[in-house]
Amino acid sequence: MLYQLYGLVIDTNDFLSGVSSISHAEVGIRVRRIASIKPSPSDWFMKWHLPSGEMWLSFAKVDGGYLLRFNELADFLVNNDGNEIVFTPKHDVPTNTIQHLLLDQVIPLVINLKGGEAIHASAVLMHFGVLAFAGPTWSGKSTVAGNFLKLGYPLLSDDCLVLMEKDGGIYAVPAYPGLRLWKDSVSCLFGDNGTHESVAHYTEKLRLDFKNRPTTFCSEPKLLKRLYTIADSSEAKRKPDIVIEPLSPQESFMALVRCAFRLDITDHNMLTRQFHFLERVASRVSVRRLIFSRDFNLLPVVREAIFKDLQDLDN
């Protein structure tokens, strides 16, 4: 089947729940499940750990591409061109977990390998263009985006926002209809409205599915007008008030670098390409720093502070 997301067409034999399928298009990435992946390298050039210190993801170069190993979950083998992905789940790992790893972890990294650029950001469509929220894990970017989605502003992405240059501007490319939230965020924002399902077996996060509600999802690239980088919770505790600060081009660039997806940090050509692109983003998109306490009762106030800050875009 063919599916469209992140501006790419994915060809896979597996059903991708919540992702829009299409009939005919040029395939960008072919994805196949196989019985086993033979490469077992000993030299891993990068490793990611969970806050608990547990291993999460390891990266290795192998003949013809890259091996991405999610500890005790699955191996994904990506060829050098980024147009072929094969994977092998570990025993008894459920389908929804594999889909989450593929859609929300592997493909964003492969976009970078294929020459595209993506950042960890959630985004919604406003009347003036796209409003995005970037930040580290647990920063609340999905919850803040959901705060606007609740008012009827269509979603473009959750956690991975692909960016592209077009007509002298920076455009946000839609991901797929879905928003990942913790149970308390779902209850606070949407109550019993909408359908949701488990993101993966190892997390209590839920994925809200808006596939059958087309007005809640924007399926076309739109101009990115403002990006808020959300401060971590420790800094928010030191500043009880809601603070929105404009960033200089240099500060904006560094914020974008911190939240960019990149598969191979040893690839100097890729890093040069990415840094030049992010410099252009920083010069063309208004970037702000957003600091607020993680309190659901404050979400309407945070939203109103953002609305007030956006008034200059109406001029």
C-alpha atoms as a PDB file:
ATOM      1  CA  MET A   1       0.000   0.000   0.000  1.00  0.00           C
ATOM      2  CA  LEU A   2       1.014   3.599  -0.575  1.00  0.00           C
ATOM      3  CA  TYR A   3       0.851   6.199   2.193  1.00  0.00           C
ATOM      4  CA  GLN A   4       1.617   9.925   2.177  1.00  0.00           C
ATOM      5  CA  LEU A   5       3.288  11.743   5.053  1.00  0.00           C
ATOM      6  CA  TYR A   6       6.111  14.255   5.592  1.00  0.00           C
ATOM      7  CA  GLY A   7       5.918  15.130   1.887  1.00  0.00           C
ATOM      8  CA  LEU A   8       6.903  11.566   0.953  1.00  0.00           C
ATOM      9  CA  VAL A   9       5.113   8.524  -0.416  1.00  0.00           C
ATOM     10  CA  ILE A  10       5.787   5.372   1.592  1.00  0.00           C
ATOM     11  CA  ASP A  11       5.320   1.941   0.015  1.00  0.00           C
ATOM     12  CA  THR A  12       4.829  -0.760   2.638  1.00  0.00           C
ATOM     13  CA  ASN A  13       3.105  -4.119   2.996  1.00  0.00           C
ATOM     14  CA  ASP A  14       2.070  -3.222   6.544  1.00  0.00           C
ATOM     15  CA  PHE A  15      -1.099  -1.281   7.341  1.00  0.00           C
ATOM     16  CA  LEU A  16      -0.309   2.155   8.815  1.00  0.00           C
ATOM     17  CA  SER A  17      -3.158   3.091  11.128  1.00  0.00           C
ATOM     18  CA  GLY A  18      -4.240   6.732  10.931  1.00  0.00           C
ATOM     19  CA  VAL A  19      -2.074   7.587   7.900  1.00  0.00           C
ATOM     20  CA  SER A  20      -3.678   8.671   4.628  1.00  0.00           C
ATOM     21  CA  SER A  21      -3.357   6.124   1.828  1.00  0.00           C
ATOM     22  CA  ILE A  22      -3.150   7.077  -1.845  1.00  0.00           C
ATOM     23  CA  SER A  23      -3.610   5.195  -5.119  1.00  0.00           C
ATOM     24  CA  HIS A  24      -0.746   6.211  -7.401  1.00  0.00           C
ATOM     25  CA  ALA A  25       2.374   8.308  -6.834  1.00  0.00           C
ATOM     26  CA  GLU A  26       6.129   8.210  -7.120  1.00  0.00           C
ATOM     27  CA  VAL A  27       7.469   6.222  -4.187  1.00  0.00           C
ATOM     28  CA  GLY A  28       9.976   7.942  -1.917  1.00  0.00           C
ATOM     29  CA  ILE A  29      10.700   5.122   0.561  1.00  0.00           C
ATOM     30  CA  ARG A  30       9.998   1.395   0.381  1.00  0.00           C
ATOM     31  CA  VAL A  31       9.525  -0.320   3.738  1.00  0.00           C
ATOM     32  CA  ARG A  32       9.575  -4.084   4.226  1.00  0.00           C
ATOM     33  CA  ARG A  33       9.504  -6.439   7.216  1.00  0.00           C
ATOM     34  CA  ILE A  34      12.058  -9.267   7.006  1.00  0.00           C
ATOM     35  CA  ALA A  35      12.807 -12.329   9.125  1.00  0.00           C
ATOM     36  CA  SER A  36      16.241 -11.199  10.293  1.00  0.00           C
ATOM     37  CA  ILE A  37      18.889  -8.532   9.767  1.00  0.00           C
ATOM     38  CA  LYS A  38      22.360  -9.995   9.419  1.00  0.00           C
ATOM     39  CA  PRO A  39      24.687  -7.079  10.246  1.00  0.00           C
ATOM     40  CA  SER A  40      25.718  -7.157  13.885  1.00  0.00           C
ATOM     41  CA  PRO A  41      28.309  -4.381  14.194  1.00  0.00           C
ATOM     42  CA  SER A  42      30.448  -3.792  17.246  1.00  0.00           C
ATOM     43  CA  ASP A  43      31.257  -0.166  16.376  1.00  0.00           C
ATOM     44  CA  TRP A  44      28.303   2.134  17.090  1.00  0.00           C
ATOM     45  CA  PHE A  45      29.014   5.771  16.210  1.00  0.00           C
ATOM     46  CA  MET A  46      26.157   7.197  18.293  1.00  0.00           C
ATOM     47  CA  LYS A  47      23.940   6.033  21.162  1.00  0.00           C
ATOM     48  CA  TRP A  48      20.874   7.632  22.702  1.00  0.00           C
ATOM     49  CA  HIS A  49      19.857   6.949  26.290  1.00  0.00           C
ATOM     50  CA  LEU A  50      16.592   7.470  28.144  1.00  0.00           C
ATOM     51  CA  PRO A  51      16.528   9.847  31.152  1.00  0.00           C
ATOM     52  CA  SER A  52      16.728   6.726  33.329  1.00  0.00           C
ATOM     53  CA  GLY A  53      20.070   5.883  31.698  1.00  0.00           C
ATOM     54  CA  GLU A  54      18.676   2.884  29.824  1.00  0.00           C
ATOM     55  CA  MET A  55      19.840   2.419  26.236  1.00  0.00           C
ATOM     56  CA  TRP A  56      17.233   3.572  23.706  1.00  0.00           C
ATOM     57  CA  LEU A  57      18.714   3.765  20.205  1.00  0.00           C
ATOM     58  CA  SER A  58      22.114   2.884  18.727  1.00  0.00           C
ATOM     59  CA  PHE A  59      23.449   3.916  15.296  1.00  0.00           C
ATOM     60  CA  ALA A  60      26.007   1.990  13.246  1.00  0.00           C
ATOM     61  CA  LYS A  61      27.354   2.185   9.702  1.00  0.00           C
ATOM     62  CA  VAL A  62      27.118  -1.063   7.758  1.00  0.00           C
ATOM     63  CA  ASP A  63      27.780  -2.039   4.157  1.00  0.00           C
ATOM     64  CA  GLY A  64      25.385  -0.041   2.008  1.00  0.00           C
ATOM     65  CA  GLY A  65      23.748   1.964   4.752  1.00  0.00           C
ATOM     66  CA  TYR A  66      22.911   2.340   8.432  1.00  0.00           C
ATOM     67  CA  LEU A  67      21.600   0.096  11.179  1.00  0.00           C
ATOM     68  CA  LEU A  68      19.279   1.659  13.784  1.00  0.00           C
ATOM     69  CA  ARG A  69      18.798  -0.597  16.805  1.00  0.00           C
ATOM     70  CA  PHE A  70      16.041   0.177  19.285  1.00  0.00           C
ATOM     71  CA  ASN A  71      17.009  -1.712  22.419  1.00  0.00           C
ATOM     72  CA  GLU A  72      14.907  -4.878  22.870  1.00  0.00           C
ATOM     73  CA  LEU A  73      12.354  -3.594  20.325  1.00  0.00           C
ATOM     74  CA  ALA A  74      13.482  -3.720  16.679  1.00  0.00           C
ATOM     75  CA  ASP A  75      16.293  -3.281  14.164  1.00  0.00           C
ATOM     76  CA  PHE A  76      15.880  -0.999  11.141  1.00  0.00           C
ATOM     77  CA  LEU A  77      18.300  -1.164   8.207  1.00  0.00           C
ATOM     78  CA  VAL A  78      18.353   1.936   5.970  1.00  0.00           C
ATOM     79  CA  ASN A  79      20.242   2.055   2.682  1.00  0.00           C
ATOM     80  CA  ASN A  80      22.592   4.939   1.882  1.00  0.00           C
ATOM     81  CA  ASP A  81      20.077   6.679  -0.389  1.00  0.00           C
ATOM     82  CA  GLY A  82      17.336   6.538   2.202  1.00  0.00           C
ATOM     83  CA  ASN A  83      14.858   4.981  -0.221  1.00  0.00           C
ATOM     84  CA  GLU A  84      14.811   1.468   1.289  1.00  0.00           C
ATOM     85  CA  ILE A  85      14.062   0.461   4.881  1.00  0.00           C
ATOM     86  CA  VAL A  86      13.880  -3.115   6.116  1.00  0.00           C
ATOM     87  CA  PHE A  87      13.107  -3.977   9.713  1.00  0.00           C
ATOM     88  CA  THR A  88      12.960  -6.905  12.100  1.00  0.00           C
ATOM     89  CA  PRO A  89      10.930  -6.646  15.306  1.00  0.00           C
ATOM     90  CA  LYS A  90      12.041  -8.422  18.438  1.00  0.00           C
ATOM     91  CA  HIS A  91       9.865 -11.282  19.606  1.00  0.00           C
ATOM     92  CA  ASP A  92       6.334 -10.285  20.716  1.00  0.00           C
ATOM     93  CA  VAL A  93       6.784  -6.544  20.068  1.00  0.00           C
ATOM     94  CA  PRO A  94       3.291  -5.390  19.008  1.00  0.00           C
ATOM     95  CA  THR A  95       2.437  -3.800  15.681  1.00  0.00           C
ATOM     96  CA  ASN A  96       1.532  -0.376  17.081  1.00  0.00           C
ATOM     97  CA  THR A  97       4.997  -0.093  18.667  1.00  0.00           C
ATOM     98  CA  ILE A  98       6.701  -0.876  15.353  1.00  0.00           C
ATOM     99  CA  GLN A  99       4.515   1.666  13.558  1.00  0.00           C
ATOM    100  CA  HIS A 100       5.412   4.315  16.126  1.00  0.00           C
ATOM    101  CA  LEU A 101       9.138   3.631  15.777  1.00  0.00           C
ATOM    102  CA  LEU A 102       8.887   3.749  11.977  1.00  0.00           C
ATOM    103  CA  LEU A 103       6.720   6.863  11.637  1.00  0.00           C
ATOM    104  CA  ASP A 104       7.941   8.966  14.541  1.00  0.00           C
ATOM    105  CA  GLN A 105      11.577   7.925  14.952  1.00  0.00           C
ATOM    106  CA  VAL A 106      13.063   6.304  11.844  1.00  0.00           C
ATOM    107  CA  ILE A 107      11.453   8.167   8.932  1.00  0.00           C
ATOM    108  CA  PRO A 108      12.257  11.631  10.379  1.00  0.00           C
ATOM    109  CA  LEU A 109      15.913  10.586  10.520  1.00  0.00           C
ATOM    110  CA  VAL A 110      15.741   9.153   6.993  1.00  0.00           C
ATOM    111  CA  ILE A 111      14.340  12.475   5.745  1.00  0.00           C
ATOM    112  CA  ASN A 112      17.608  14.043   6.863  1.00  0.00           C
ATOM    113  CA  LEU A 113      19.578  11.287   5.118  1.00  0.00           C
ATOM    114  CA  LYS A 114      17.650  11.960   1.884  1.00  0.00           C
ATOM    115  CA  GLY A 115      18.630  15.641   1.942  1.00  0.00           C
ATOM    116  CA  GLY A 116      15.568  17.072   3.662  1.00  0.00           C
ATOM    117  CA  GLU A 117      15.364  18.845   6.998  1.00  0.00           C
ATOM    118  CA  ALA A 118      13.047  18.289   9.929  1.00  0.00           C
ATOM    119  CA  ILE A 119      12.840  19.602  13.477  1.00  0.00           C
ATOM    120  CA  HIS A 120      11.263  18.303  16.685  1.00  0.00           C
ATOM    121  CA  ALA A 121       8.171  20.503  16.597  1.00  0.00           C
ATOM    122  CA  SER A 122       4.389  20.378  16.688  1.00  0.00           C
ATOM    123  CA  ALA A 123       2.527  22.788  14.414  1.00  0.00           C
ATOM    124  CA  VAL A 124      -0.952  24.156  13.721  1.00  0.00           C
ATOM    125  CA  LEU A 125      -2.363  26.303  10.923  1.00  0.00           C
ATOM    126  CA  MET A 126      -3.511  29.840  11.777  1.00  0.00           C
ATOM    127  CA  HIS A 127      -5.100  32.363   9.425  1.00  0.00           C
ATOM    128  CA  PHE A 128      -1.705  34.003   8.772  1.00  0.00           C
ATOM    129  CA  GLY A 129       0.274  30.763   8.301  1.00  0.00           C
ATOM    130  CA  VAL A 130       1.830  28.054  10.423  1.00  0.00           C
ATOM    131  CA  LEU A 131       2.545  28.374  14.131  1.00  0.00           C
ATOM    132  CA  ALA A 132       5.064  25.821  15.480  1.00  0.00           C
ATOM    133  CA  PHE A 133       6.247  24.752  18.933  1.00  0.00           C
ATOM    134  CA  ALA A 134       9.687  23.198  19.335  1.00  0.00           C
ATOM    135  CA  GLY A 135      11.407  21.841  22.378  1.00  0.00           C
ATOM    136  CA  PRO A 136      12.971  18.839  24.070  1.00  0.00           C
ATOM    137  CA  THR A 137      11.101  15.707  25.121  1.00  0.00           C
ATOM    138  CA  TRP A 138       8.558  16.415  27.882  1.00  0.00           C
ATOM    139  CA  SER A 139       8.554  20.146  27.088  1.00  0.00           C
ATOM    140  CA  GLY A 140       4.825  20.139  26.299  1.00  0.00           C
ATOM    141  CA  LYS A 141       4.902  21.040  22.608  1.00  0.00           C
ATOM    142  CA  SER A 142       2.164  18.533  21.719  1.00  0.00           C
ATOM    143  CA  THR A 143      -0.027  19.759  24.571  1.00  0.00           C
ATOM    144  CA  VAL A 144       0.375  23.399  23.516  1.00  0.00           C
ATOM    145  CA  ALA A 145      -0.435  22.484  19.912  1.00  0.00           C
ATOM    146  CA  GLY A 146      -3.458  20.547  21.173  1.00  0.00           C
ATOM    147  CA  ASN A 147      -4.505  23.673  23.044  1.00  0.00           C
ATOM    148  CA  PHE A 148      -4.941  25.395  19.660  1.00  0.00           C
ATOM    149  CA  LEU A 149      -6.351  22.321  17.938  1.00  0.00           C
ATOM    150  CA  LYS A 150      -9.087  22.341  20.581  1.00  0.00           C
ATOM    151  CA  LEU A 151     -10.187  25.742  19.245  1.00  0.00           C
ATOM    152  CA  GLY A 152     -10.398  24.426  15.686  1.00  0.00           C
ATOM    153  CA  TYR A 153      -6.960  25.308  14.303  1.00  0.00           C
ATOM    154  CA  PRO A 154      -5.887  22.385  12.068  1.00  0.00           C
ATOM    155  CA  LEU A 155      -2.869  20.290  13.015  1.00  0.00           C
ATOM    156  CA  LEU A 156       0.113  19.938  10.657  1.00  0.00           C
ATOM    157  CA  SER A 157       2.528  17.870  12.697  1.00  0.00           C
ATOM    158  CA  ASP A 158       3.266  16.356  16.055  1.00  0.00           C
ATOM    159  CA  ASP A 159       6.935  16.211  17.108  1.00  0.00           C
ATOM    160  CA  CYS A 160       8.358  16.072  13.563  1.00  0.00           C
ATOM    161  CA  LEU A 161       7.947  19.117  11.321  1.00  0.00           C
ATOM    162  CA  VAL A 162       9.537  18.920   7.875  1.00  0.00           C
ATOM    163  CA  LEU A 163      10.690  22.265   6.488  1.00  0.00           C
ATOM    164  CA  MET A 164      11.317  23.257   2.884  1.00  0.00           C
ATOM    165  CA  GLU A 165      12.193  26.422   0.951  1.00  0.00           C
ATOM    166  CA  LYS A 166       9.690  27.704  -1.588  1.00  0.00           C
ATOM    167  CA  ASP A 167       9.250  31.102  -3.251  1.00  0.00           C
ATOM    168  CA  GLY A 168      11.705  32.726  -0.847  1.00  0.00           C
ATOM    169  CA  GLY A 169       9.868  31.474   2.246  1.00  0.00           C
ATOM    170  CA  ILE A 170      10.099  28.545   4.655  1.00  0.00           C
ATOM    171  CA  TYR A 171       7.180  26.139   4.374  1.00  0.00           C
ATOM    172  CA  ALA A 172       5.948  23.578   6.886  1.00  0.00           C
ATOM    173  CA  VAL A 173       5.150  20.179   5.371  1.00  0.00           C
ATOM    174  CA  PRO A 174       2.308  18.168   6.967  1.00  0.00           C
ATOM    175  CA  ALA A 175       3.053  14.903   8.770  1.00  0.00           C
ATOM    176  CA  TYR A 176      -0.078  12.770   9.284  1.00  0.00           C
ATOM    177  CA  PRO A 177      -3.375  13.116  11.202  1.00  0.00           C
ATOM    178  CA  GLY A 178      -2.487  12.263  14.773  1.00  0.00           C
ATOM    179  CA  LEU A 179      -1.438  13.854  18.049  1.00  0.00           C
ATOM    180  CA  ARG A 180       0.429  12.007  20.831  1.00  0.00           C
ATOM    181  CA  LEU A 181      -0.499  13.058  24.353  1.00  0.00           C
ATOM    182  CA  TRP A 182      -0.326  11.728  27.890  1.00  0.00           C
ATOM    183  CA  LYS A 183      -3.647  10.617  29.371  1.00  0.00           C
ATOM    184  CA  ASP A 184      -3.976  13.681  31.602  1.00  0.00           C
ATOM    185  CA  SER A 185      -3.419  15.987  28.602  1.00  0.00           C
ATOM    186  CA  VAL A 186      -6.064  14.118  26.590  1.00  0.00           C
ATOM    187  CA  SER A 187      -8.537  14.415  29.447  1.00  0.00           C
ATOM    188  CA  CYS A 188      -7.818  18.109  30.003  1.00  0.00           C
ATOM    189  CA  LEU A 189      -7.982  19.153  26.353  1.00  0.00           C
ATOM    190  CA  PHE A 190     -10.528  16.848  24.744  1.00  0.00           C
ATOM    191  CA  GLY A 191     -12.330  14.857  27.418  1.00  0.00           C
ATOM    192  CA  ASP A 192     -14.168  12.014  25.701  1.00  0.00           C
ATOM    193  CA  ASN A 193     -14.164  13.689  22.280  1.00  0.00           C
ATOM    194  CA  GLY A 194     -12.279  11.984  19.464  1.00  0.00           C
ATOM    195  CA  THR A 195     -10.878   8.494  19.144  1.00  0.00           C
ATOM    196  CA  HIS A 196      -7.506   7.468  20.483  1.00  0.00           C
ATOM    197  CA  GLU A 197      -5.297   4.430  20.737  1.00  0.00           C
ATOM    198  CA  SER A 198      -2.099   3.397  22.468  1.00  0.00           C
ATOM    199  CA  VAL A 199       1.075   4.801  20.875  1.00  0.00           C
ATOM    200  CA  ALA A 200       3.248   1.857  21.924  1.00  0.00           C
ATOM    201  CA  HIS A 201       3.271  -0.889  24.532  1.00  0.00           C
ATOM    202  CA  TYR A 202       6.080   0.698  26.551  1.00  0.00           C
ATOM    203  CA  THR A 203       4.407   4.099  27.092  1.00  0.00           C
ATOM    204  CA  GLU A 204       1.092   5.369  28.442  1.00  0.00           C
ATOM    205  CA  LYS A 205       0.887   8.000  25.717  1.00  0.00           C
ATOM    206  CA  LEU A 206      -2.202   7.969  23.508  1.00  0.00           C
ATOM    207  CA  ARG A 207      -2.456   8.866  19.837  1.00  0.00           C
ATOM    208  CA  LEU A 208      -5.522  10.918  18.937  1.00  0.00           C
ATOM    209  CA  ASP A 209      -6.677   9.953  15.459  1.00  0.00           C
ATOM    210  CA  PHE A 210      -8.240  12.714  13.345  1.00  0.00           C
ATOM    211  CA  LYS A 211      -8.161  10.890  10.022  1.00  0.00           C
ATOM    212  CA  ASN A 212     -11.961  10.868   9.755  1.00  0.00           C
ATOM    213  CA  ARG A 213     -12.218  14.545  10.715  1.00  0.00           C
ATOM    214  CA  PRO A 214     -10.488  16.300   7.790  1.00  0.00           C
ATOM    215  CA  THR A 215     -11.062  19.833   9.114  1.00  0.00           C
ATOM    216  CA  THR A 216      -8.715  19.088  12.019  1.00  0.00           C
ATOM    217  CA  PHE A 217      -5.723  18.359   9.777  1.00  0.00           C
ATOM    218  CA  CYS A 218      -3.989  20.503   7.156  1.00  0.00           C
ATOM    219  CA  SER A 219      -2.735  18.319   4.305  1.00  0.00           C
ATOM    220  CA  GLU A 220      -0.921  20.981   2.237  1.00  0.00           C
ATOM    221  CA  PRO A 221       2.433  22.741   2.899  1.00  0.00           C
ATOM    222  CA  LYS A 222       1.917  26.192   4.378  1.00  0.00           C
ATOM    223  CA  LEU A 223       4.203  29.137   5.125  1.00  0.00           C
ATOM    224  CA  LEU A 224       5.859  28.945   8.546  1.00  0.00           C
ATOM    225  CA  LYS A 225       5.426  32.320  10.226  1.00  0.00           C
ATOM    226  CA  ARG A 226       6.422  31.854  13.866  1.00  0.00           C
ATOM    227  CA  LEU A 227       8.248  29.265  15.933  1.00  0.00           C
ATOM    228  CA  TYR A 228       8.195  29.120  19.726  1.00  0.00           C
ATOM    229  CA  THR A 229      10.957  27.203  21.471  1.00  0.00           C
ATOM    230  CA  ILE A 230       9.644  25.948  24.799  1.00  0.00           C
ATOM    231  CA  ALA A 231      11.948  26.192  27.796  1.00  0.00           C
ATOM    232  CA  ASP A 232      12.385  23.079  29.914  1.00  0.00           C
ATOM    233  CA  SER A 233      10.366  22.662  33.084  1.00  0.00           C
ATOM    234  CA  SER A 234      13.287  23.439  35.418  1.00  0.00           C
ATOM    235  CA  GLU A 235      13.627  26.929  33.940  1.00  0.00           C
ATOM    236  CA  ALA A 236       9.864  27.415  34.036  1.00  0.00           C
ATOM    237  CA  LYS A 237       9.865  26.771  37.774  1.00  0.00           C
ATOM    238  CA  ARG A 238      12.295  29.663  38.274  1.00  0.00           C
ATOM    239  CA  LYS A 239       9.967  32.043  36.396  1.00  0.00           C
ATOM    240  CA  PRO A 240       6.402  31.790  37.673  1.00  0.00           C
ATOM    241  CA  ASP A 241       5.061  34.185  35.044  1.00  0.00           C
ATOM    242  CA  ILE A 242       4.456  33.343  31.389  1.00  0.00           C
ATOM    243  CA  VAL A 243       7.363  34.809  29.444  1.00  0.00           C
ATOM    244  CA  ILE A 244       7.699  35.234  25.673  1.00  0.00           C
ATOM    245  CA  GLU A 245      11.037  36.576  24.451  1.00  0.00           C
ATOM    246  CA  PRO A 246      12.149  37.320  20.869  1.00  0.00           C
ATOM    247  CA  LEU A 247      15.401  35.612  19.892  1.00  0.00           C
ATOM    248  CA  SER A 248      18.207  37.110  17.844  1.00  0.00           C
ATOM    249  CA  PRO A 249      19.096  35.409  14.535  1.00  0.00           C
ATOM    250  CA  GLN A 250      22.082  33.744  16.239  1.00  0.00           C
ATOM    251  CA  GLU A 251      19.951  32.535  19.171  1.00  0.00           C
ATOM    252  CA  SER A 252      17.292  31.353  16.721  1.00  0.00           C
ATOM    253  CA  PHE A 253      19.879  29.401  14.753  1.00  0.00           C
ATOM    254  CA  MET A 254      21.192  27.661  17.878  1.00  0.00           C
ATOM    255  CA  ALA A 255      17.639  26.799  18.973  1.00  0.00           C
ATOM    256  CA  LEU A 256      16.978  25.238  15.561  1.00  0.00           C
ATOM    257  CA  VAL A 257      20.231  23.261  15.674  1.00  0.00           C
ATOM    258  CA  ARG A 258      19.268  21.795  19.047  1.00  0.00           C
ATOM    259  CA  CYS A 259      15.914  20.521  17.789  1.00  0.00           C
ATOM    260  CA  ALA A 260      16.940  19.310  14.298  1.00  0.00           C
ATOM    261  CA  PHE A 261      16.812  15.665  13.255  1.00  0.00           C
ATOM    262  CA  ARG A 262      20.118  14.260  11.976  1.00  0.00           C
ATOM    263  CA  LEU A 263      20.979  10.649  11.297  1.00  0.00           C
ATOM    264  CA  ASP A 264      24.753  10.712  10.867  1.00  0.00           C
ATOM    265  CA  ILE A 265      26.558  13.287  12.994  1.00  0.00           C
ATOM    266  CA  THR A 266      29.868  12.203  11.417  1.00  0.00           C
ATOM    267  CA  ASP A 267      28.734  13.308   7.935  1.00  0.00           C
ATOM    268  CA  HIS A 268      30.361  16.737   7.529  1.00  0.00           C
ATOM    269  CA  ASN A 269      28.644  17.434   4.213  1.00  0.00           C
ATOM    270  CA  MET A 270      25.250  16.821   5.804  1.00  0.00           C
ATOM    271  CA  LEU A 271      26.075  19.046   8.771  1.00  0.00           C
ATOM    272  CA  THR A 272      27.218  21.852   6.463  1.00  0.00           C
ATOM    273  CA  ARG A 273      24.047  21.542   4.389  1.00  0.00           C
ATOM    274  CA  GLN A 274      21.842  21.484   7.466  1.00  0.00           C
ATOM    275  CA  PHE A 275      23.540  24.442   9.161  1.00  0.00           C
ATOM    276  CA  HIS A 276      23.243  26.597   6.041  1.00  0.00           C
ATOM    277  CA  PHE A 277      19.558  25.704   5.749  1.00  0.00           C
ATOM    278  CA  LEU A 278      18.878  26.470   9.420  1.00  0.00           C
ATOM    279  CA  GLU A 279      20.642  29.801   9.048  1.00  0.00           C
ATOM    280  CA  ARG A 280      18.169  30.681   6.300  1.00  0.00           C
ATOM    281  CA  VAL A 281      15.267  29.536   8.468  1.00  0.00           C
ATOM    282  CA  ALA A 282      16.489  31.710  11.336  1.00  0.00           C
ATOM    283  CA  SER A 283      16.689  34.736   9.031  1.00  0.00           C
ATOM    284  CA  ARG A 284      13.198  34.266   7.561  1.00  0.00           C
ATOM    285  CA  VAL A 285      11.069  32.933  10.421  1.00  0.00           C
ATOM    286  CA  SER A 286      10.212  34.805  13.595  1.00  0.00           C
ATOM    287  CA  VAL A 287      11.459  32.745  16.559  1.00  0.00           C
ATOM    288  CA  ARG A 288      10.406  33.300  20.173  1.00  0.00           C
ATOM    289  CA  ARG A 289      11.267  31.659  23.485  1.00  0.00           C
ATOM    290  CA  LEU A 290       8.246  30.517  25.509  1.00  0.00           C
ATOM    291  CA  ILE A 291       8.505  29.937  29.255  1.00  0.00           C
ATOM    292  CA  PHE A 292       5.533  28.723  31.300  1.00  0.00           C
ATOM    293  CA  SER A 293       4.765  26.503  34.283  1.00  0.00           C
ATOM    294  CA  ARG A 294       3.491  23.007  33.505  1.00  0.00           C
ATOM    295  CA  ASP A 295       0.021  23.498  34.933  1.00  0.00           C
ATOM    296  CA  PHE A 296      -3.065  22.491  32.957  1.00  0.00           C
ATOM    297  CA  ASN A 297      -5.006  25.332  34.571  1.00  0.00           C
ATOM    298  CA  LEU A 298      -2.628  27.779  32.905  1.00  0.00           C
ATOM    299  CA  LEU A 299      -3.135  26.476  29.354  1.00  0.00           C
ATOM    300  CA  PRO A 300      -5.846  29.042  28.470  1.00  0.00           C
ATOM    301  CA  VAL A 301      -3.602  31.810  29.806  1.00  0.00           C
ATOM    302  CA  VAL A 302      -0.625  30.503  27.813  1.00  0.00           C
ATOM    303  CA  ARG A 303      -2.801  30.427  24.713  1.00  0.00           C
ATOM    304  CA  GLU A 304      -3.963  34.021  25.249  1.00  0.00           C
ATOM    305  CA  ALA A 305      -0.369  35.184  25.789  1.00  0.00           C
ATOM    306  CA  ILE A 306       0.567  33.601  22.469  1.00  0.00           C
ATOM    307  CA  PHE A 307      -2.427  35.204  20.722  1.00  0.00           C
ATOM    308  CA  LYS A 308      -1.297  38.583  22.049  1.00  0.00           C
ATOM    309  CA  ASP A 309       2.259  37.953  20.891  1.00  0.00           C
ATOM    310  CA  LEU A 310       0.991  37.046  17.416  1.00  0.00           C
ATOM    311  CA  GLN A 311      -0.723  40.397  16.902  1.00  0.00           C
ATOM    312  CA  ASP A 312       2.301  41.812  15.068  1.00  0.00           C
ATOM    313  CA  LEU A 313       1.819  39.177  12.345  1.00  0.00           C
ATOM    314  CA  ASP A 314      -1.615  40.631  11.580  1.00  0.00           C
ATOM    315  CA  ASN A 315      -0.103  43.995  10.659  1.00  0.00           C
END
